[in-house]
Structures are given as structure tokens and as C-alpha cells.
Protein backbone atom coordinates (compact mmCIF):
# COMPACT_ATOMS: atom_id res chain seq x y z
CA MET A 1 99.31 117.47 70.93
CA ALA A 2 98.99 120.95 72.39
CA VAL A 3 100.62 121.40 75.77
CA ASP A 4 97.35 122.96 76.98
CA ASN A 5 95.70 119.55 76.69
CA PHE A 6 98.08 117.97 79.19
CA ILE A 7 96.17 116.78 82.29
CA PRO A 8 98.70 116.26 85.11
CA THR A 9 96.07 115.11 87.62
CA LEU A 10 94.94 112.30 85.34
CA TRP A 11 98.44 111.14 84.44
CA THR A 12 99.58 111.25 88.06
CA ALA A 13 96.68 109.03 89.08
CA ARG A 14 97.61 106.52 86.39
CA LEU A 15 101.20 106.49 87.57
CA LEU A 16 100.27 105.73 91.18
CA SER A 17 97.80 103.03 90.16
CA ASN A 18 100.35 101.23 88.02
CA LEU A 19 102.98 101.43 90.75
CA GLN A 20 100.72 99.52 93.09
CA LYS A 21 100.08 96.80 90.52
CA SER A 22 103.78 96.30 89.84
CA HIS A 23 105.05 96.10 93.42
CA VAL A 24 106.02 92.90 95.22
CA LEU A 25 108.40 93.88 98.02
CA ALA A 26 106.96 97.37 98.35
CA ALA A 27 103.61 95.83 99.26
CA ARG A 28 105.29 93.93 102.13
CA VAL A 29 106.20 97.06 104.09
CA ASN A 30 104.22 99.51 106.18
CA ARG A 31 103.44 103.17 105.47
CA ASP A 32 102.60 104.03 109.10
CA TYR A 33 104.87 107.07 109.23
CA GLU A 34 104.27 108.45 105.77
CA GLY A 35 103.82 112.19 105.99
CA GLU A 36 103.87 115.01 103.52
CA ILE A 37 107.06 114.71 101.49
CA LYS A 38 108.02 117.69 99.39
CA GLN A 39 111.69 117.30 98.54
CA ALA A 40 114.66 114.96 98.73
CA GLY A 41 116.27 115.10 102.16
CA ASP A 42 112.99 115.44 104.04
CA THR A 43 112.80 113.26 107.14
CA VAL A 44 110.05 111.37 108.92
CA LYS A 45 110.50 111.11 112.69
CA ILE A 46 109.46 107.74 114.13
CA GLY A 47 108.83 108.00 117.86
CA GLY A 48 109.64 105.20 120.26
CA ILE A 49 110.78 104.35 123.78
CA GLY A 50 113.17 101.77 125.16
CA ALA A 51 112.17 98.66 127.11
CA VAL A 52 110.46 99.02 130.48
CA THR A 53 112.21 97.22 133.35
CA VAL A 54 110.20 94.88 135.60
CA SER A 55 111.57 94.21 139.12
CA SER A 56 110.58 92.04 142.08
CA TYR A 57 108.47 93.49 144.88
CA THR A 58 108.35 92.41 148.53
CA LYS A 59 105.53 93.71 150.70
CA ASN A 60 106.53 96.39 153.24
CA SER A 61 110.22 96.27 152.32
CA THR A 62 110.85 97.07 148.65
CA THR A 63 111.89 100.61 147.78
CA LEU A 64 110.81 101.45 144.27
CA SER A 65 113.53 102.28 141.79
CA TRP A 66 112.23 104.72 139.22
CA GLN A 67 113.34 104.15 135.63
CA THR A 68 113.95 107.00 133.23
CA LEU A 69 112.54 105.97 129.87
CA ALA A 70 115.08 105.99 127.06
CA ASP A 71 114.34 107.69 123.76
CA ALA A 72 114.32 105.08 120.99
CA SER A 73 113.20 107.37 118.18
CA GLN A 74 114.39 106.72 114.64
CA THR A 75 114.63 108.91 111.59
CA LEU A 76 113.47 107.83 108.14
CA VAL A 77 115.28 109.90 105.52
CA ILE A 78 113.72 110.52 102.11
CA ASP A 79 116.99 110.00 100.27
CA ARG A 80 115.81 108.39 97.02
CA ALA A 81 114.80 110.45 94.00
CA LYS A 82 113.92 108.85 90.66
CA TYR A 83 112.74 110.56 87.48
CA PHE A 84 111.67 109.79 83.93
CA ALA A 85 111.61 112.08 80.92
CA PHE A 86 110.39 111.26 77.44
CA LYS A 87 109.16 113.20 74.44
CA VAL A 88 106.15 112.65 72.21
CA ASP A 89 106.48 113.73 68.58
CA ASP A 90 103.50 115.62 67.19
CA VAL A 91 103.09 113.09 64.37
CA ASP A 92 103.08 110.15 66.78
CA ALA A 93 100.66 111.91 69.07
CA ALA A 94 98.25 112.59 66.23
CA GLN A 95 98.36 108.98 65.02
CA THR A 96 98.19 107.10 68.34
CA LYS A 97 96.55 109.41 70.89
CA PRO A 98 95.57 108.46 73.58
CA LYS A 99 97.01 104.93 73.46
CA LEU A 100 100.58 106.21 73.18
CA MET A 101 100.40 108.09 76.46
CA ASP A 102 98.76 105.20 78.30
CA GLU A 103 101.51 102.83 77.24
CA ALA A 104 104.26 105.35 77.97
CA MET A 105 102.94 105.94 81.49
CA LYS A 106 102.66 102.20 82.12
CA GLU A 107 106.27 101.75 81.10
CA ALA A 108 107.40 104.68 83.26
CA SER A 109 105.51 103.48 86.33
CA TYR A 110 106.78 99.93 85.92
CA ALA A 111 110.38 101.16 85.69
CA ILE A 112 110.03 103.22 88.87
CA SER A 113 108.33 100.41 90.79
CA ASP A 114 111.13 98.08 89.73
CA GLU A 115 113.67 100.55 91.14
CA ILE A 116 111.79 100.69 94.46
CA ASP A 117 111.51 96.91 94.75
CA ALA A 118 115.22 96.43 94.00
CA TYR A 119 116.09 99.05 96.62
CA LEU A 120 113.95 97.29 99.24
CA ALA A 121 115.56 93.95 98.40
CA GLY A 122 118.91 95.48 99.34
CA LEU A 123 117.70 96.12 102.90
CA TYR A 124 118.24 92.44 103.75
CA THR A 125 121.54 93.53 105.33
CA ASP A 126 119.67 95.23 108.19
CA ALA A 127 117.86 92.12 109.42
CA ALA A 128 118.81 90.99 112.92
CA THR A 129 121.99 88.87 112.89
CA ALA A 130 120.23 86.06 114.77
CA ASN A 131 117.63 85.91 111.99
CA LYS A 132 120.12 85.25 109.19
CA LEU A 133 120.42 81.64 108.10
CA GLY A 134 123.70 81.02 106.28
CA ALA A 135 125.85 83.64 104.61
CA ASP A 136 127.26 84.50 101.20
CA GLY A 137 129.57 81.97 99.58
CA GLY A 138 130.34 78.61 101.14
CA SER A 139 128.16 79.20 104.19
CA ALA A 140 125.00 79.53 102.10
CA LYS A 141 122.36 76.84 102.42
CA THR A 142 122.04 74.73 99.28
CA VAL A 143 118.34 74.17 98.70
CA GLY A 144 117.27 71.24 96.56
CA TYR A 145 116.81 67.48 96.38
CA GLY A 146 120.42 66.32 96.13
CA SER A 147 122.45 64.54 98.79
CA GLY A 148 123.02 66.78 101.81
CA GLU A 149 120.84 69.57 100.43
CA THR A 150 118.05 71.28 102.36
CA ASP A 151 114.46 70.49 101.38
CA PRO A 152 112.71 73.70 100.27
CA TYR A 153 109.61 73.15 102.42
CA LYS A 154 111.70 72.40 105.51
CA THR A 155 113.60 75.61 104.78
CA LEU A 156 110.33 77.57 105.04
CA VAL A 157 109.64 75.92 108.39
CA ASN A 158 113.14 76.76 109.64
CA MET A 159 112.72 80.44 108.70
CA GLY A 160 109.43 80.50 110.60
CA VAL A 161 111.20 79.11 113.66
CA LEU A 162 113.76 81.94 113.52
CA LEU A 163 110.98 84.53 113.50
CA SER A 164 109.13 82.79 116.33
CA LYS A 165 112.30 82.78 118.46
CA ALA A 166 112.44 86.54 117.88
CA ASN A 167 108.85 86.90 119.18
CA VAL A 168 107.55 87.94 115.76
CA PRO A 169 103.75 87.47 115.50
CA SER A 170 102.63 84.58 113.32
CA ALA A 171 99.87 86.66 111.72
CA GLY A 172 100.81 88.43 108.51
CA ARG A 173 104.13 86.71 107.89
CA TRP A 174 105.40 86.88 104.32
CA ALA A 175 108.19 85.27 102.32
CA VAL A 176 109.70 86.64 99.10
CA VAL A 177 111.61 83.96 97.18
CA THR A 178 113.32 83.51 93.83
CA PRO A 179 111.67 81.81 90.82
CA TRP A 180 113.94 78.76 91.17
CA PHE A 181 112.95 78.38 94.83
CA GLU A 182 109.31 78.66 93.81
CA GLY A 183 109.81 75.92 91.23
CA MET A 184 111.33 73.59 93.81
CA LEU A 185 108.48 74.26 96.21
CA ARG A 186 105.87 73.42 93.58
CA LYS A 187 107.60 70.08 92.95
CA SER A 188 107.61 69.24 96.65
CA GLY A 189 104.91 66.81 97.74
CA THR A 190 105.05 68.22 101.27
CA PHE A 191 104.48 71.74 100.00
CA GLY A 192 101.66 70.58 97.73
CA ALA A 193 99.90 68.97 100.66
CA ASN A 194 100.29 72.03 102.87
CA VAL A 195 99.64 75.03 100.64
CA ALA A 196 96.53 77.16 100.48
CA SER A 197 96.39 78.17 96.83
CA PRO A 198 95.44 81.76 95.98
CA SER A 199 91.84 82.52 95.13
CA GLY A 200 89.73 85.60 94.44
CA GLU A 201 91.66 88.83 95.03
CA GLN A 202 94.73 86.93 96.25
CA ALA A 203 95.11 85.28 92.85
CA MET A 204 95.50 88.74 91.31
CA LEU A 205 98.34 89.86 93.59
CA ASN A 206 101.69 90.28 91.88
CA GLY A 207 103.94 87.28 92.42
CA TYR A 208 101.64 85.54 94.91
CA ILE A 209 102.14 81.75 95.13
CA GLY A 210 100.02 80.75 98.12
CA ARG A 211 100.18 80.33 101.89
CA SER A 212 102.26 77.58 103.46
CA ALA A 213 104.33 76.96 106.61
CA GLY A 214 102.84 80.12 108.10
CA PHE A 215 103.91 82.43 105.25
CA ASP A 216 102.17 84.24 102.41
CA ILE A 217 104.70 83.40 99.71
CA TYR A 218 105.62 85.66 96.80
CA THR A 219 108.19 85.34 94.03
CA SER A 220 110.37 88.19 92.76
CA ASN A 221 113.24 88.68 90.34
CA ASN A 222 114.52 91.63 92.35
CA LEU A 223 116.08 89.68 95.22
CA THR A 224 119.82 90.27 95.36
CA ASN A 225 122.72 87.83 94.94
CA ASP A 226 126.50 87.92 95.31
CA ALA A 227 127.08 87.64 91.52
CA GLN A 228 129.34 84.60 91.81
CA GLY A 229 129.42 81.66 89.38
CA THR A 230 126.91 79.80 91.51
CA PRO A 231 125.26 82.80 93.15
CA THR A 232 124.07 83.03 96.71
CA TRP A 233 120.59 84.56 96.78
CA ARG A 234 119.20 86.54 99.74
CA LEU A 235 115.59 85.41 100.29
CA MET A 236 113.56 87.62 102.63
CA PHE A 237 110.99 86.76 105.30
CA GLY A 238 109.14 88.85 107.85
CA VAL A 239 106.08 90.94 108.66
CA ASP A 240 105.04 94.37 107.41
CA ALA A 241 106.21 96.01 110.65
CA ALA A 242 109.84 95.25 109.76
CA ILE A 243 110.28 97.93 107.10
CA SER A 244 108.78 101.40 106.96
CA MET A 245 108.58 103.25 103.67
CA ALA A 246 107.46 106.77 102.88
CA VAL A 247 106.62 107.78 99.33
CA GLN A 248 105.75 111.19 98.00
CA LYS A 249 101.97 111.33 97.78
CA ALA A 250 101.84 113.52 94.69
CA PRO A 251 104.68 112.86 92.22
CA VAL A 252 105.89 115.88 90.26
CA MET A 253 104.45 115.67 86.74
CA GLU A 254 105.16 118.25 84.05
CA SER A 255 104.72 118.73 80.33
CA ILE A 256 106.82 121.19 78.36
CA ARG A 257 107.07 122.16 74.71
CA LEU A 258 110.54 121.21 73.46
CA GLN A 259 112.32 123.92 71.49
CA ASP A 260 114.48 121.75 69.22
CA SER A 261 111.77 119.49 67.79
CA PHE A 262 108.05 119.27 67.11
CA SER A 263 107.50 117.41 70.34
CA ASP A 264 106.13 117.73 73.83
CA GLY A 265 108.27 116.53 76.71
CA VAL A 266 106.80 114.70 79.69
CA ARG A 267 108.77 114.31 82.89
CA GLY A 268 108.06 112.96 86.34
CA LEU A 269 109.88 112.84 89.69
CA LEU A 270 109.16 110.54 92.63
CA LEU A 271 110.74 110.84 96.09
CA TYR A 272 110.82 108.03 98.63
CA GLY A 273 112.78 106.43 101.43
CA ALA A 274 112.71 103.23 103.47
CA LYS A 275 114.23 101.92 106.68
CA VAL A 276 114.30 98.64 108.59
CA VAL A 277 112.75 99.85 111.85
CA ARG A 278 112.35 96.41 113.47
CA PRO A 279 115.36 94.26 112.51
CA ALA A 280 114.09 91.33 114.59
CA ALA A 281 110.90 91.23 112.50
CA MET A 282 112.80 90.28 109.34
CA ALA A 283 114.79 87.17 108.47
CA VAL A 284 117.12 86.31 105.59
CA LEU A 285 118.00 83.00 103.99
CA PHE A 286 121.27 82.89 102.07
CA ALA A 287 120.54 80.16 99.54
CA LYS A 288 122.17 78.47 96.56
CA GLU A 289 120.21 76.59 93.94
CA GLY A 290 120.70 72.85 94.37
CA ALA A 291 119.65 69.78 92.47
CA ASP A 292 116.18 69.72 90.94
CA SER A 293 113.73 66.92 91.61
């Protein structure tokens, strides 16, 4: 495979397309502040102002008190940089072209998307304290059908109540849960009677289970846990406004002729960053797997 035949525009497009298909958590964030990102360390400035004070007024007697608006701007730092680099032997390229490159790019894009999703799952720590139900270890909620355990469907309802108390809009709420939590939901008669199953385009979304208790529910293996014998998992709930993410629009893609073998090397670099910009718009359930039905 001559290096002159490398088409970076085509391969870059494939990479971005596959990233979108592989994302679960990354599709639950907003890209409102995504600008032109060129290098690690770039920042995206998110403008904002503090709350406006409302005071009582009495006709002919109240003297207005003028408020100076506070700057509530935030900075999103592009502090994540991930790369891949693989080589294609001339013999392999001749025998499998173009299938080899398609499969290699799919694998590379999946690996990067997995890194991004795992990174976003770790942002559970930045949810508002009032929106965290339970905690790691003994304070975690045991979800299941055993004595004293919390019913999985009722747990969904409770997480919705937390968000409602925080004035989070009901439209667009999502939940990302573990496979074991999904399994318990599917065995729940209450859930079965109150779920809108996916159809059409929804059925094709990665990890999508259906809509119930006010949430679009997704399952992911990238949610974090405390790595104990009976782990506490951190299930995430919220709306897209909770987390902002900025990703480099045009990943760096290069092909080079390797000097120590009859091979071409292909390498790619993707820069990104994410930040919880509205902590009150995200909730976390610290949950242990209980008895099955």
C-alpha cells in the first residue's frame, strides 16, 4: 500500500462516524460551547451571570437598591489527549485491502469512544450533593427484590423526585444504568406496565432500553464502582445541560512509511474535555446489586 494512496479525509470521516455509534454517555451531554480546538490545553470560556435578586416594592416609599451582577463564567479545559498508532504490513494490505483498514479504523474509533465514555462516567463526583442518593460502601442503596431492598422501578421514581426538587426540567431526562439494574427492571411488573419500548430510530440507539418514570433509560458497562467485594455502582441521571463536552472537530490523522519494516504506519490523535457545568442538573444513585426476582 503506497503512502500516496492514503486518504486522511476519508479515514477521519469514518473515525468520527464510528465514535457517534459507539457512545452512550457522550451522547447524554451537550456540545453548546464547542469551539475550534487545536491542541491540548486549549480552553473554552463559558459565560454566565449570578442570580438576580428580587425585592419588595412599596409605592412612593421604596428606594431602589441596584445590584451588581456577579460573573459566573466557567472554563472548560481541553485536558484529554488520546492517540492510536498501528502499522499495516505490505503483504496484509495487498491481501485484504480495503477491508483491513475499515476494520482497523472501527477498532480504533471504538477504543477511543470507550475512553471518552469511561471518563464521563467518572464525573459523577461533581453532581450536586443534594442529588446523591446513598454513598459508597454501607450507605449504598441495595436494589433488588429481597427483604428490605429497594424496588428498581421505585428507585427510578425517587431519582426523578431528586431532580424535580432541584428544579430540573422533566423534558429530556436520561438515566444510565448498569446491565444488572436493567435486568431487574425488565423483570419488574411495574416497569413493564410503565415503559415505552424503543421503536424506529430509538431502537437503534446504543444501549437504549426505553422510557419510564420520566427517563430515557440507557445501559452501559462504563459506569464506575468502588471495586469492593460487593461493589457499589454509581448510576447517573440528569439532562444534557448538566455536562458540557468539547471535542476536536478534525482529529489528527497521519500515515507514514516505517523505516524498519515493509509497512505503513497509521496514527491518530483526538483532543477533548468535559465539565459538569450544572451540578444540580445531575443526580447519582450509589447502588449495590441485591436479590434477583
